[in-house]
N, C-alpha and C. Protein backbone atom coordinates (compact mmCIF):
# COMPACT_ATOMS: atom_id res chain seq x y z
N UNK A 1 -29.07 9.43 19.13
CA UNK A 1 -29.20 10.87 19.33
C UNK A 1 -28.98 11.58 18.00
N UNK A 2 -29.97 12.37 17.58
CA UNK A 2 -29.88 13.06 16.31
C UNK A 2 -28.96 14.27 16.41
N UNK A 3 -28.29 14.55 15.31
CA UNK A 3 -27.45 15.74 15.25
C UNK A 3 -28.31 16.94 14.89
N UNK A 4 -27.99 18.09 15.39
CA UNK A 4 -28.64 19.31 14.98
C UNK A 4 -27.76 20.00 13.95
N UNK A 5 -28.32 21.01 13.32
CA UNK A 5 -27.54 21.74 12.32
C UNK A 5 -26.42 22.54 12.95
N UNK A 6 -26.41 22.64 14.27
CA UNK A 6 -25.33 23.38 14.94
C UNK A 6 -24.15 22.48 15.27
N UNK A 7 -24.24 21.20 14.90
CA UNK A 7 -23.19 20.25 15.29
C UNK A 7 -21.83 20.66 14.75
N UNK A 8 -21.82 21.37 13.61
CA UNK A 8 -20.54 21.77 13.03
C UNK A 8 -20.19 23.21 13.39
N UNK A 9 -21.09 23.90 14.10
CA UNK A 9 -20.83 25.30 14.44
C UNK A 9 -20.08 25.39 15.77
N UNK A 10 -18.81 25.02 15.76
CA UNK A 10 -18.02 25.07 16.97
C UNK A 10 -16.92 26.10 16.82
N UNK A 11 -16.45 26.58 17.97
CA UNK A 11 -15.36 27.54 17.95
C UNK A 11 -14.05 26.80 17.75
N UNK A 12 -13.35 27.17 16.73
CA UNK A 12 -12.07 26.55 16.47
C UNK A 12 -11.22 27.51 15.65
N UNK A 13 -9.93 27.31 15.72
CA UNK A 13 -9.04 28.08 14.88
C UNK A 13 -8.83 27.30 13.59
N UNK A 14 -9.26 27.87 12.49
CA UNK A 14 -9.14 27.22 11.19
C UNK A 14 -8.19 28.04 10.34
N UNK A 15 -7.28 27.35 9.68
CA UNK A 15 -6.30 28.05 8.85
C UNK A 15 -6.08 27.30 7.55
N UNK A 16 -5.63 28.03 6.55
CA UNK A 16 -5.28 27.44 5.25
C UNK A 16 -3.76 27.30 5.11
N UNK A 17 -3.03 27.55 6.15
CA UNK A 17 -1.57 27.53 6.12
C UNK A 17 -1.06 26.09 6.10
N UNK A 18 -0.41 25.69 5.03
CA UNK A 18 0.10 24.32 4.89
C UNK A 18 1.62 24.24 5.05
N UNK A 19 2.25 25.30 5.55
CA UNK A 19 3.71 25.39 5.54
C UNK A 19 4.39 24.34 6.41
N UNK A 20 3.70 23.79 7.39
CA UNK A 20 4.30 22.77 8.26
C UNK A 20 3.92 21.35 7.87
N UNK A 21 3.34 21.19 6.68
CA UNK A 21 2.91 19.88 6.21
C UNK A 21 3.82 19.37 5.09
N UNK A 22 3.86 18.05 4.96
CA UNK A 22 4.69 17.41 3.93
C UNK A 22 3.90 16.27 3.29
N UNK A 23 4.38 15.88 2.13
CA UNK A 23 3.88 14.66 1.50
C UNK A 23 4.50 13.46 2.23
N UNK A 24 3.68 12.57 2.73
CA UNK A 24 4.21 11.44 3.48
C UNK A 24 5.13 10.58 2.61
N UNK A 25 4.82 10.48 1.33
CA UNK A 25 5.65 9.66 0.44
C UNK A 25 7.07 10.19 0.31
N UNK A 26 7.28 11.49 0.57
CA UNK A 26 8.63 12.04 0.54
C UNK A 26 9.44 11.57 1.74
N UNK A 27 8.77 11.26 2.84
CA UNK A 27 9.43 10.78 4.05
C UNK A 27 9.51 9.25 4.08
N UNK A 28 8.52 8.61 3.51
CA UNK A 28 8.47 7.13 3.50
C UNK A 28 8.22 6.71 2.05
N UNK A 29 9.29 6.60 1.25
CA UNK A 29 9.12 6.33 -0.19
C UNK A 29 8.36 5.04 -0.50
N UNK A 30 8.45 4.05 0.37
CA UNK A 30 7.78 2.78 0.10
C UNK A 30 6.37 2.68 0.62
N UNK A 31 5.80 3.80 1.06
CA UNK A 31 4.46 3.77 1.64
C UNK A 31 3.42 3.43 0.58
N UNK A 32 2.43 2.65 0.96
CA UNK A 32 1.32 2.33 0.07
C UNK A 32 0.15 3.24 0.44
N UNK A 33 -0.45 3.85 -0.56
CA UNK A 33 -1.53 4.79 -0.29
C UNK A 33 -2.82 4.37 -1.01
N UNK A 34 -3.87 4.22 -0.24
CA UNK A 34 -5.21 3.98 -0.79
C UNK A 34 -6.13 4.99 -0.11
N UNK A 35 -6.09 6.20 -0.59
CA UNK A 35 -6.79 7.31 0.06
C UNK A 35 -8.29 7.19 -0.24
N UNK A 36 -9.01 6.61 0.69
CA UNK A 36 -10.40 6.22 0.45
C UNK A 36 -11.34 7.40 0.19
N UNK A 37 -11.06 8.55 0.80
CA UNK A 37 -12.01 9.65 0.65
C UNK A 37 -11.79 10.42 -0.64
N UNK A 38 -10.74 10.09 -1.38
CA UNK A 38 -10.58 10.58 -2.74
C UNK A 38 -11.42 9.73 -3.69
N UNK A 39 -11.63 8.49 -3.34
CA UNK A 39 -12.41 7.56 -4.17
C UNK A 39 -13.88 7.63 -3.77
N UNK A 40 -14.69 6.81 -4.42
CA UNK A 40 -16.10 6.70 -4.04
C UNK A 40 -16.35 5.49 -3.16
N UNK A 41 -15.30 4.70 -2.90
CA UNK A 41 -15.48 3.54 -2.03
C UNK A 41 -15.22 3.96 -0.59
N UNK A 42 -16.22 4.58 -0.01
CA UNK A 42 -16.18 5.00 1.38
C UNK A 42 -17.62 5.01 1.91
N UNK A 43 -17.80 5.33 3.16
CA UNK A 43 -19.13 5.19 3.76
C UNK A 43 -20.16 6.18 3.21
N UNK A 44 -19.70 7.27 2.59
CA UNK A 44 -20.62 8.21 1.95
C UNK A 44 -20.98 7.73 0.55
N UNK A 45 -19.99 7.23 -0.18
CA UNK A 45 -20.22 6.75 -1.54
C UNK A 45 -19.84 7.75 -2.61
N UNK A 46 -19.26 8.89 -2.21
CA UNK A 46 -18.82 9.93 -3.13
C UNK A 46 -17.42 10.38 -2.73
N UNK A 47 -16.71 11.03 -3.67
CA UNK A 47 -15.46 11.67 -3.28
C UNK A 47 -15.80 12.79 -2.29
N UNK A 48 -14.97 12.90 -1.25
CA UNK A 48 -15.26 13.82 -0.16
C UNK A 48 -14.64 15.19 -0.45
N UNK A 49 -15.36 16.23 -0.05
CA UNK A 49 -14.91 17.60 -0.29
C UNK A 49 -13.49 17.82 0.24
N UNK A 50 -12.66 18.44 -0.57
CA UNK A 50 -11.30 18.78 -0.17
C UNK A 50 -10.25 17.78 -0.61
N UNK A 51 -10.65 16.62 -1.08
CA UNK A 51 -9.68 15.61 -1.52
C UNK A 51 -9.45 15.78 -3.02
N UNK A 52 -8.44 16.57 -3.36
CA UNK A 52 -8.15 16.88 -4.76
C UNK A 52 -7.15 15.91 -5.39
N UNK A 53 -6.38 15.23 -4.56
CA UNK A 53 -5.43 14.22 -5.04
C UNK A 53 -5.43 13.04 -4.07
N UNK A 54 -5.12 11.84 -4.55
CA UNK A 54 -5.05 10.68 -3.65
C UNK A 54 -3.68 10.56 -3.00
N UNK A 55 -3.35 11.57 -2.19
CA UNK A 55 -2.03 11.59 -1.55
C UNK A 55 -2.19 11.84 -0.06
N UNK A 56 -1.21 11.35 0.71
CA UNK A 56 -1.23 11.48 2.16
C UNK A 56 -0.38 12.67 2.58
N UNK A 57 -0.98 13.59 3.32
CA UNK A 57 -0.28 14.74 3.86
C UNK A 57 -0.29 14.66 5.38
N UNK A 58 0.82 15.07 6.00
CA UNK A 58 0.93 15.07 7.46
C UNK A 58 1.81 16.24 7.90
N UNK A 59 1.70 16.59 9.17
CA UNK A 59 2.69 17.51 9.73
C UNK A 59 4.07 16.84 9.67
N UNK A 60 5.11 17.66 9.67
CA UNK A 60 6.46 17.11 9.60
C UNK A 60 6.74 16.16 10.77
N UNK A 61 6.26 16.54 11.95
CA UNK A 61 6.51 15.72 13.14
C UNK A 61 5.84 14.35 13.00
N UNK A 62 4.60 14.34 12.54
CA UNK A 62 3.90 13.07 12.37
C UNK A 62 4.53 12.22 11.27
N UNK A 63 4.96 12.88 10.19
CA UNK A 63 5.60 12.14 9.10
C UNK A 63 6.88 11.47 9.56
N UNK A 64 7.67 12.17 10.40
CA UNK A 64 8.90 11.57 10.92
C UNK A 64 8.57 10.35 11.80
N UNK A 65 7.50 10.46 12.57
CA UNK A 65 7.11 9.34 13.43
C UNK A 65 6.63 8.15 12.60
N UNK A 66 5.89 8.44 11.54
CA UNK A 66 5.44 7.35 10.65
C UNK A 66 6.64 6.69 9.98
N UNK A 67 7.65 7.49 9.64
CA UNK A 67 8.86 6.91 9.05
C UNK A 67 9.52 5.93 10.02
N UNK A 68 9.55 6.27 11.30
CA UNK A 68 10.12 5.36 12.30
C UNK A 68 9.29 4.09 12.41
N UNK A 69 7.96 4.24 12.36
CA UNK A 69 7.08 3.07 12.37
C UNK A 69 7.37 2.19 11.17
N UNK A 70 7.48 2.82 10.00
CA UNK A 70 7.72 2.06 8.77
C UNK A 70 9.04 1.31 8.82
N UNK A 71 10.07 1.96 9.33
CA UNK A 71 11.38 1.29 9.43
C UNK A 71 11.29 0.05 10.31
N UNK A 72 10.60 0.18 11.44
CA UNK A 72 10.46 -0.95 12.35
C UNK A 72 9.62 -2.06 11.73
N UNK A 73 8.56 -1.67 11.04
CA UNK A 73 7.71 -2.68 10.41
C UNK A 73 8.42 -3.39 9.26
N UNK A 74 9.24 -2.65 8.52
CA UNK A 74 9.99 -3.28 7.43
C UNK A 74 10.87 -4.40 7.94
N UNK A 75 11.51 -4.18 9.07
CA UNK A 75 12.37 -5.21 9.68
C UNK A 75 11.54 -6.43 10.05
N UNK A 76 10.28 -6.21 10.42
CA UNK A 76 9.40 -7.30 10.82
C UNK A 76 8.67 -7.93 9.64
N UNK A 77 8.94 -7.42 8.42
CA UNK A 77 8.35 -8.01 7.23
C UNK A 77 7.05 -7.39 6.76
N UNK A 78 6.80 -6.15 7.18
CA UNK A 78 5.56 -5.47 6.80
C UNK A 78 5.85 -4.13 6.14
N UNK A 79 4.92 -3.70 5.30
CA UNK A 79 4.88 -2.33 4.80
C UNK A 79 3.62 -1.66 5.34
N UNK A 80 3.63 -0.34 5.39
CA UNK A 80 2.46 0.39 5.84
C UNK A 80 1.56 0.71 4.66
N UNK A 81 0.26 0.59 4.89
CA UNK A 81 -0.74 0.99 3.90
C UNK A 81 -1.62 2.06 4.54
N UNK A 82 -1.69 3.22 3.89
CA UNK A 82 -2.37 4.39 4.43
C UNK A 82 -3.74 4.54 3.78
N UNK A 83 -4.77 4.72 4.62
CA UNK A 83 -6.12 5.00 4.13
C UNK A 83 -6.48 6.48 4.23
N UNK A 84 -5.97 7.15 5.25
CA UNK A 84 -6.25 8.57 5.42
C UNK A 84 -5.23 9.17 6.37
N UNK A 85 -4.94 10.45 6.15
CA UNK A 85 -4.05 11.19 7.06
C UNK A 85 -4.70 12.54 7.33
N UNK A 86 -4.08 13.62 6.89
CA UNK A 86 -4.70 14.94 7.05
C UNK A 86 -6.04 14.97 6.32
N UNK A 87 -7.04 15.52 7.00
CA UNK A 87 -8.40 15.62 6.44
C UNK A 87 -8.87 17.07 6.59
N UNK A 88 -9.14 17.77 5.51
CA UNK A 88 -9.56 19.17 5.63
C UNK A 88 -10.84 19.31 6.45
N UNK A 89 -10.99 20.44 7.12
CA UNK A 89 -12.21 20.69 7.90
C UNK A 89 -13.44 20.64 7.02
N UNK A 90 -13.30 21.01 5.76
CA UNK A 90 -14.46 20.96 4.85
C UNK A 90 -14.92 19.52 4.62
N UNK A 91 -13.99 18.57 4.68
CA UNK A 91 -14.36 17.16 4.54
C UNK A 91 -15.17 16.69 5.75
N UNK A 92 -14.78 17.14 6.93
CA UNK A 92 -15.53 16.81 8.14
C UNK A 92 -16.93 17.40 8.04
N UNK A 93 -17.04 18.62 7.55
CA UNK A 93 -18.35 19.23 7.35
C UNK A 93 -19.19 18.41 6.38
N UNK A 94 -18.57 17.89 5.34
CA UNK A 94 -19.25 17.01 4.38
C UNK A 94 -19.84 15.80 5.11
N UNK A 95 -19.05 15.18 5.98
CA UNK A 95 -19.54 14.04 6.75
C UNK A 95 -20.74 14.43 7.62
N UNK A 96 -20.62 15.56 8.31
CA UNK A 96 -21.67 15.97 9.23
C UNK A 96 -22.97 16.28 8.49
N UNK A 97 -22.88 17.01 7.39
CA UNK A 97 -24.08 17.32 6.63
C UNK A 97 -24.69 16.07 6.02
N UNK A 98 -23.87 15.13 5.62
CA UNK A 98 -24.36 13.83 5.15
C UNK A 98 -25.14 13.13 6.26
N UNK A 99 -24.65 13.22 7.48
CA UNK A 99 -25.32 12.59 8.60
C UNK A 99 -26.63 13.25 8.96
N UNK A 100 -26.71 14.58 8.76
CA UNK A 100 -27.91 15.32 9.13
C UNK A 100 -28.97 15.25 8.04
N UNK A 101 -28.56 15.50 6.80
CA UNK A 101 -29.52 15.79 5.74
C UNK A 101 -29.67 14.70 4.69
N UNK A 102 -28.65 13.94 4.45
CA UNK A 102 -28.64 13.02 3.32
C UNK A 102 -29.36 11.73 3.66
N UNK A 103 -30.35 11.36 2.86
CA UNK A 103 -31.11 10.13 3.10
C UNK A 103 -30.51 8.93 2.37
N UNK A 104 -29.42 9.15 1.66
CA UNK A 104 -28.78 8.08 0.89
C UNK A 104 -28.15 7.04 1.82
N UNK A 105 -28.55 5.80 1.67
CA UNK A 105 -28.03 4.71 2.50
C UNK A 105 -27.34 3.64 1.65
N UNK A 106 -26.88 3.99 0.46
CA UNK A 106 -26.37 2.96 -0.46
C UNK A 106 -25.13 2.25 0.05
N UNK A 107 -24.33 2.90 0.93
CA UNK A 107 -23.12 2.25 1.43
C UNK A 107 -23.32 1.58 2.79
N UNK A 108 -24.52 1.64 3.31
CA UNK A 108 -24.80 1.06 4.62
C UNK A 108 -24.44 -0.43 4.70
N UNK A 109 -24.74 -1.26 3.71
CA UNK A 109 -24.40 -2.69 3.84
C UNK A 109 -22.91 -2.96 3.98
N UNK A 110 -22.09 -2.04 3.49
CA UNK A 110 -20.65 -2.27 3.48
C UNK A 110 -19.93 -1.67 4.69
N UNK A 111 -20.44 -0.56 5.22
CA UNK A 111 -19.69 0.17 6.24
C UNK A 111 -20.41 0.32 7.58
N UNK A 112 -21.71 0.29 7.59
CA UNK A 112 -22.42 0.39 8.88
C UNK A 112 -23.70 -0.47 8.85
N UNK A 113 -23.55 -1.76 8.59
CA UNK A 113 -24.72 -2.62 8.39
C UNK A 113 -25.64 -2.74 9.60
N UNK A 114 -25.10 -2.58 10.79
CA UNK A 114 -25.90 -2.78 12.01
C UNK A 114 -26.25 -1.50 12.74
N UNK A 115 -25.92 -0.34 12.16
CA UNK A 115 -26.15 0.93 12.83
C UNK A 115 -26.95 1.88 11.95
N UNK A 116 -27.67 2.80 12.60
CA UNK A 116 -28.31 3.88 11.87
C UNK A 116 -27.28 5.00 11.71
N UNK A 117 -27.50 5.86 10.73
CA UNK A 117 -26.51 6.90 10.44
C UNK A 117 -26.19 7.76 11.65
N UNK A 118 -27.21 8.16 12.41
CA UNK A 118 -26.96 9.04 13.54
C UNK A 118 -26.09 8.37 14.60
N UNK A 119 -26.14 7.04 14.68
CA UNK A 119 -25.33 6.33 15.66
C UNK A 119 -23.84 6.40 15.34
N UNK A 120 -23.50 6.66 14.09
CA UNK A 120 -22.09 6.77 13.72
C UNK A 120 -21.43 7.92 14.46
N UNK A 121 -22.19 8.94 14.77
CA UNK A 121 -21.68 10.09 15.51
C UNK A 121 -21.75 9.84 17.01
N UNK A 122 -22.90 9.36 17.49
CA UNK A 122 -23.07 9.18 18.93
C UNK A 122 -22.16 8.10 19.49
N UNK A 123 -21.77 7.13 18.66
CA UNK A 123 -20.87 6.06 19.11
C UNK A 123 -19.40 6.36 18.83
N UNK A 124 -19.10 7.52 18.27
CA UNK A 124 -17.72 7.96 18.14
C UNK A 124 -17.00 7.55 16.87
N UNK A 125 -17.71 6.95 15.91
CA UNK A 125 -17.02 6.54 14.69
C UNK A 125 -16.73 7.73 13.77
N UNK A 126 -17.60 8.73 13.80
CA UNK A 126 -17.40 9.94 13.02
C UNK A 126 -17.48 11.12 13.98
N UNK A 127 -16.48 11.99 13.92
CA UNK A 127 -16.42 13.12 14.84
C UNK A 127 -16.80 14.41 14.13
N UNK A 128 -17.53 15.28 14.81
CA UNK A 128 -17.84 16.59 14.24
C UNK A 128 -16.64 17.52 14.30
N UNK A 129 -15.67 17.19 15.16
CA UNK A 129 -14.37 17.85 15.19
C UNK A 129 -13.32 16.73 15.12
N UNK A 130 -12.67 16.61 14.00
CA UNK A 130 -11.79 15.47 13.78
C UNK A 130 -10.33 15.78 14.05
N UNK A 131 -9.67 14.87 14.75
CA UNK A 131 -8.22 15.02 14.94
C UNK A 131 -7.47 15.00 13.62
N UNK A 132 -8.05 14.36 12.61
CA UNK A 132 -7.41 14.33 11.28
C UNK A 132 -7.16 15.75 10.76
N UNK A 133 -8.06 16.67 11.08
CA UNK A 133 -7.93 18.04 10.58
C UNK A 133 -6.82 18.82 11.27
N UNK A 134 -6.26 18.26 12.34
CA UNK A 134 -5.11 18.89 13.00
C UNK A 134 -3.79 18.42 12.38
N UNK A 135 -3.86 17.42 11.50
CA UNK A 135 -2.71 17.08 10.67
C UNK A 135 -1.76 16.03 11.18
N UNK A 136 -2.05 15.41 12.34
CA UNK A 136 -1.11 14.44 12.89
C UNK A 136 -1.78 13.10 13.22
N UNK A 137 -2.86 12.81 12.52
CA UNK A 137 -3.58 11.55 12.72
C UNK A 137 -3.49 10.73 11.45
N UNK A 138 -3.39 9.42 11.62
CA UNK A 138 -3.25 8.52 10.48
C UNK A 138 -4.14 7.30 10.65
N UNK A 139 -4.77 6.89 9.55
CA UNK A 139 -5.52 5.64 9.49
C UNK A 139 -4.72 4.70 8.61
N UNK A 140 -4.38 3.53 9.13
CA UNK A 140 -3.48 2.66 8.38
C UNK A 140 -3.63 1.19 8.76
N UNK A 141 -3.02 0.36 7.94
CA UNK A 141 -2.94 -1.07 8.22
C UNK A 141 -1.57 -1.57 7.77
N UNK A 142 -1.39 -2.87 7.83
CA UNK A 142 -0.12 -3.49 7.47
C UNK A 142 -0.29 -4.35 6.22
N UNK A 143 0.74 -4.35 5.39
CA UNK A 143 0.80 -5.27 4.26
C UNK A 143 1.95 -6.24 4.51
N UNK A 144 1.65 -7.52 4.42
CA UNK A 144 2.63 -8.58 4.65
C UNK A 144 3.50 -8.71 3.40
N UNK A 145 4.78 -8.40 3.50
CA UNK A 145 5.66 -8.44 2.34
C UNK A 145 5.86 -9.87 1.83
N UNK A 146 5.65 -10.83 2.69
CA UNK A 146 5.82 -12.22 2.27
C UNK A 146 4.71 -12.67 1.34
N UNK A 147 3.47 -12.25 1.62
CA UNK A 147 2.32 -12.66 0.82
C UNK A 147 1.88 -11.60 -0.18
N UNK A 148 2.28 -10.35 0.06
CA UNK A 148 1.82 -9.26 -0.78
C UNK A 148 0.39 -8.85 -0.50
N UNK A 149 -0.17 -9.31 0.60
CA UNK A 149 -1.55 -9.00 0.95
C UNK A 149 -1.62 -8.26 2.28
N UNK A 150 -2.74 -7.56 2.49
CA UNK A 150 -2.95 -6.91 3.77
C UNK A 150 -2.99 -7.94 4.89
N UNK A 151 -2.42 -7.60 6.02
CA UNK A 151 -2.55 -8.45 7.20
C UNK A 151 -4.03 -8.51 7.58
N UNK A 152 -4.49 -9.68 7.97
CA UNK A 152 -5.90 -9.88 8.32
C UNK A 152 -6.17 -9.31 9.71
N UNK A 153 -6.92 -8.22 9.75
CA UNK A 153 -7.21 -7.55 11.02
C UNK A 153 -8.58 -7.94 11.58
N UNK A 154 -9.25 -8.85 10.93
CA UNK A 154 -10.55 -9.30 11.44
C UNK A 154 -11.71 -8.41 11.08
N UNK A 155 -11.44 -7.38 10.31
CA UNK A 155 -12.47 -6.44 9.86
C UNK A 155 -11.82 -5.35 9.06
N UNK A 156 -12.49 -4.83 8.04
CA UNK A 156 -11.89 -3.84 7.15
C UNK A 156 -11.90 -2.43 7.71
N UNK A 157 -11.12 -1.57 7.09
CA UNK A 157 -11.10 -0.14 7.41
C UNK A 157 -12.49 0.46 7.26
N UNK A 158 -12.85 1.31 8.21
CA UNK A 158 -14.12 2.04 8.22
C UNK A 158 -15.34 1.15 8.34
N UNK A 159 -15.17 -0.05 8.87
CA UNK A 159 -16.34 -0.83 9.26
C UNK A 159 -16.78 -0.30 10.62
N UNK A 160 -17.89 0.39 10.64
CA UNK A 160 -18.37 0.99 11.89
C UNK A 160 -19.18 -0.04 12.66
N UNK A 161 -18.48 -0.71 13.55
CA UNK A 161 -19.05 -1.87 14.24
C UNK A 161 -18.19 -2.19 15.45
N UNK A 162 -18.77 -2.89 16.40
CA UNK A 162 -18.02 -3.37 17.55
C UNK A 162 -16.83 -4.21 17.12
N UNK A 163 -16.95 -4.85 15.97
CA UNK A 163 -15.87 -5.69 15.44
C UNK A 163 -14.59 -4.88 15.26
N UNK A 164 -14.72 -3.59 15.02
CA UNK A 164 -13.56 -2.74 14.77
C UNK A 164 -12.88 -2.24 16.03
N UNK A 165 -13.49 -2.44 17.19
CA UNK A 165 -12.84 -2.03 18.44
C UNK A 165 -11.53 -2.80 18.59
N UNK A 166 -10.43 -2.14 18.91
CA UNK A 166 -9.13 -2.82 18.97
C UNK A 166 -9.10 -4.02 19.90
N UNK A 167 -9.88 -3.97 20.97
CA UNK A 167 -9.85 -5.07 21.94
C UNK A 167 -10.95 -6.10 21.72
N UNK A 168 -11.61 -6.05 20.57
CA UNK A 168 -12.68 -7.01 20.27
C UNK A 168 -12.08 -8.42 20.15
N UNK A 169 -12.64 -9.36 20.86
CA UNK A 169 -12.08 -10.72 20.88
C UNK A 169 -12.91 -11.74 20.11
N UNK A 170 -13.91 -11.30 19.38
CA UNK A 170 -14.68 -12.23 18.57
C UNK A 170 -14.05 -12.48 17.22
N UNK A 171 -12.73 -12.44 17.19
CA UNK A 171 -11.96 -12.70 15.97
C UNK A 171 -10.92 -13.78 16.30
N UNK A 172 -10.18 -14.23 15.32
CA UNK A 172 -9.20 -15.28 15.56
C UNK A 172 -7.99 -14.72 16.31
N UNK A 173 -7.23 -15.61 16.90
CA UNK A 173 -6.01 -15.18 17.61
C UNK A 173 -5.05 -14.49 16.66
N UNK A 174 -4.94 -14.98 15.43
CA UNK A 174 -4.03 -14.37 14.45
C UNK A 174 -4.48 -12.96 14.11
N UNK A 175 -5.78 -12.76 13.91
CA UNK A 175 -6.29 -11.43 13.59
C UNK A 175 -6.05 -10.46 14.75
N UNK A 176 -6.29 -10.93 15.96
CA UNK A 176 -6.06 -10.08 17.13
C UNK A 176 -4.58 -9.75 17.28
N UNK A 177 -3.73 -10.72 17.03
CA UNK A 177 -2.28 -10.49 17.13
C UNK A 177 -1.83 -9.46 16.09
N UNK A 178 -2.40 -9.50 14.89
CA UNK A 178 -2.05 -8.51 13.87
C UNK A 178 -2.41 -7.11 14.33
N UNK A 179 -3.56 -6.97 14.96
CA UNK A 179 -3.95 -5.67 15.50
C UNK A 179 -2.96 -5.20 16.56
N UNK A 180 -2.54 -6.13 17.39
CA UNK A 180 -1.64 -5.77 18.48
C UNK A 180 -0.25 -5.41 17.96
N UNK A 181 0.19 -6.06 16.88
CA UNK A 181 1.48 -5.71 16.28
C UNK A 181 1.45 -4.26 15.83
N UNK A 182 0.40 -3.89 15.11
CA UNK A 182 0.26 -2.51 14.64
C UNK A 182 0.17 -1.56 15.83
N UNK A 183 -0.66 -1.88 16.79
CA UNK A 183 -0.88 -1.00 17.94
C UNK A 183 0.41 -0.78 18.74
N UNK A 184 1.13 -1.85 19.02
CA UNK A 184 2.33 -1.74 19.85
C UNK A 184 3.42 -0.91 19.18
N UNK A 185 3.60 -1.08 17.88
CA UNK A 185 4.63 -0.32 17.19
C UNK A 185 4.23 1.15 17.09
N UNK A 186 2.96 1.40 16.86
CA UNK A 186 2.49 2.79 16.82
C UNK A 186 2.69 3.46 18.17
N UNK A 187 2.33 2.77 19.24
CA UNK A 187 2.50 3.34 20.58
C UNK A 187 3.97 3.60 20.88
N UNK A 188 4.82 2.67 20.49
CA UNK A 188 6.25 2.80 20.76
C UNK A 188 6.86 4.00 20.04
N UNK A 189 6.21 4.42 18.96
CA UNK A 189 6.73 5.55 18.19
C UNK A 189 5.93 6.84 18.39
N UNK A 190 5.22 6.90 19.50
CA UNK A 190 4.63 8.17 19.90
C UNK A 190 3.19 8.42 19.53
N UNK A 191 2.49 7.41 19.04
CA UNK A 191 1.09 7.59 18.66
C UNK A 191 0.15 7.05 19.73
N UNK A 192 -1.05 7.60 19.76
CA UNK A 192 -2.09 7.14 20.68
C UNK A 192 -3.27 6.59 19.90
N UNK A 193 -3.88 5.50 20.38
CA UNK A 193 -5.02 4.91 19.69
C UNK A 193 -6.34 5.49 20.21
N UNK A 194 -7.44 5.07 19.60
CA UNK A 194 -8.76 5.32 20.16
C UNK A 194 -9.43 3.97 20.39
N UNK A 195 -10.53 3.96 21.12
CA UNK A 195 -11.08 2.68 21.57
C UNK A 195 -12.10 2.06 20.62
N UNK A 196 -12.40 2.71 19.47
CA UNK A 196 -13.42 2.14 18.59
C UNK A 196 -12.93 1.80 17.19
N UNK A 197 -11.66 2.11 16.87
CA UNK A 197 -11.14 1.83 15.53
C UNK A 197 -9.70 1.32 15.63
N UNK A 198 -9.46 0.13 15.17
CA UNK A 198 -8.10 -0.46 15.27
C UNK A 198 -7.09 0.26 14.37
N UNK A 199 -7.55 1.00 13.37
CA UNK A 199 -6.67 1.61 12.36
C UNK A 199 -6.28 3.05 12.66
N UNK A 200 -6.82 3.66 13.70
CA UNK A 200 -6.75 5.11 13.92
C UNK A 200 -5.76 5.45 15.03
N UNK A 201 -4.78 6.34 14.70
CA UNK A 201 -3.76 6.75 15.67
C UNK A 201 -3.43 8.23 15.50
N UNK A 202 -3.22 8.91 16.62
CA UNK A 202 -2.85 10.33 16.62
C UNK A 202 -1.53 10.51 17.36
N UNK A 203 -0.65 11.33 16.81
CA UNK A 203 0.63 11.61 17.46
C UNK A 203 0.37 12.25 18.82
N UNK A 204 0.93 11.66 19.86
CA UNK A 204 0.67 12.13 21.23
C UNK A 204 1.10 13.58 21.41
N UNK A 205 2.27 13.91 20.92
CA UNK A 205 2.77 15.28 21.03
C UNK A 205 2.54 16.02 19.72
N UNK A 206 1.31 16.01 19.25
CA UNK A 206 1.01 16.66 17.97
C UNK A 206 1.33 18.16 18.06
N UNK A 207 1.87 18.73 16.99
CA UNK A 207 2.31 20.13 17.05
C UNK A 207 1.18 21.15 17.05
N UNK A 208 -0.02 20.75 16.62
CA UNK A 208 -1.14 21.70 16.54
C UNK A 208 -2.38 21.13 17.23
N UNK A 209 -2.32 20.97 18.54
CA UNK A 209 -3.43 20.34 19.25
C UNK A 209 -4.72 21.15 19.25
N UNK A 210 -4.63 22.45 18.96
CA UNK A 210 -5.81 23.31 19.00
C UNK A 210 -6.09 24.02 17.69
N UNK A 211 -5.44 23.58 16.62
CA UNK A 211 -5.59 24.23 15.32
C UNK A 211 -6.17 23.23 14.32
N UNK A 212 -7.14 23.70 13.54
CA UNK A 212 -7.74 22.86 12.51
C UNK A 212 -7.44 23.48 11.15
N UNK A 213 -7.10 22.64 10.19
CA UNK A 213 -6.67 23.10 8.87
C UNK A 213 -7.74 22.79 7.83
N UNK A 214 -7.78 23.62 6.79
CA UNK A 214 -8.81 23.42 5.77
C UNK A 214 -8.27 23.54 4.35
N UNK A 215 -6.97 23.54 4.16
CA UNK A 215 -6.44 23.54 2.80
C UNK A 215 -6.70 22.18 2.15
N UNK A 216 -6.76 22.11 0.83
CA UNK A 216 -7.10 20.85 0.17
C UNK A 216 -5.99 19.81 0.25
N UNK A 217 -6.38 18.56 0.12
CA UNK A 217 -5.41 17.48 0.01
C UNK A 217 -4.86 17.53 -1.41
N UNK A 218 -3.70 18.16 -1.55
CA UNK A 218 -3.16 18.44 -2.87
C UNK A 218 -1.66 18.70 -2.77
N UNK A 219 -0.89 17.98 -3.53
CA UNK A 219 0.56 18.23 -3.54
C UNK A 219 0.86 19.58 -4.15
N UNK A 220 0.02 20.04 -5.09
CA UNK A 220 0.22 21.35 -5.70
C UNK A 220 0.06 22.46 -4.67
N UNK A 221 -0.90 22.29 -3.77
CA UNK A 221 -1.12 23.33 -2.75
C UNK A 221 0.09 23.46 -1.84
N UNK A 222 0.74 22.35 -1.54
CA UNK A 222 1.91 22.40 -0.65
C UNK A 222 3.07 23.16 -1.30
N UNK A 223 3.10 23.19 -2.60
CA UNK A 223 4.22 23.82 -3.33
C UNK A 223 4.05 25.34 -3.45
N UNK A 224 2.92 25.86 -3.03
CA UNK A 224 2.69 27.30 -3.17
C UNK A 224 3.60 28.10 -2.24
């Protein structure tokens, strides 16, 4: 199903107020951050609009919950690795316009090898209204402190494929168990998953369920 140019024209409350947001690293000093949309290694292939620094921002409530997850994972021998947290509404617009207008397919072999661009939206991998813009969603994985490597989840972050569904069983028992370790600890600490991405979780009692934010991903902006 093709997107129309009205796909991003939805009624929403958008604000630039960052007063309830924090740097996640201030709450979880040992957090590992690989903010993919600040880099060019993502499904678009360019730095995404609004990502001015490679830092993770979250609402205070979500950051506290991630800290609890991190503490529990540390005891189990893991550290958290963050790929994305708060995502400005302008970044979501960047994704949508890329899906509608951009003919560039250079990242297709790496992130959506078996799908057409429009299917990324119709199958739920990319949302025209993203929970990330409400400030309490996190994309993450685990790093095994014993090996110093990411836990093998059977598929990488942002692989838009059935392989990425949390309940996909065409992977090894160890890979599936790693997914379940992450999922169970996230659920226990107040987060909810989605059915198409093993890495994606939103705080169940998010403080801004109906508000979308558009301030830049920037530690300097938070200090204003």
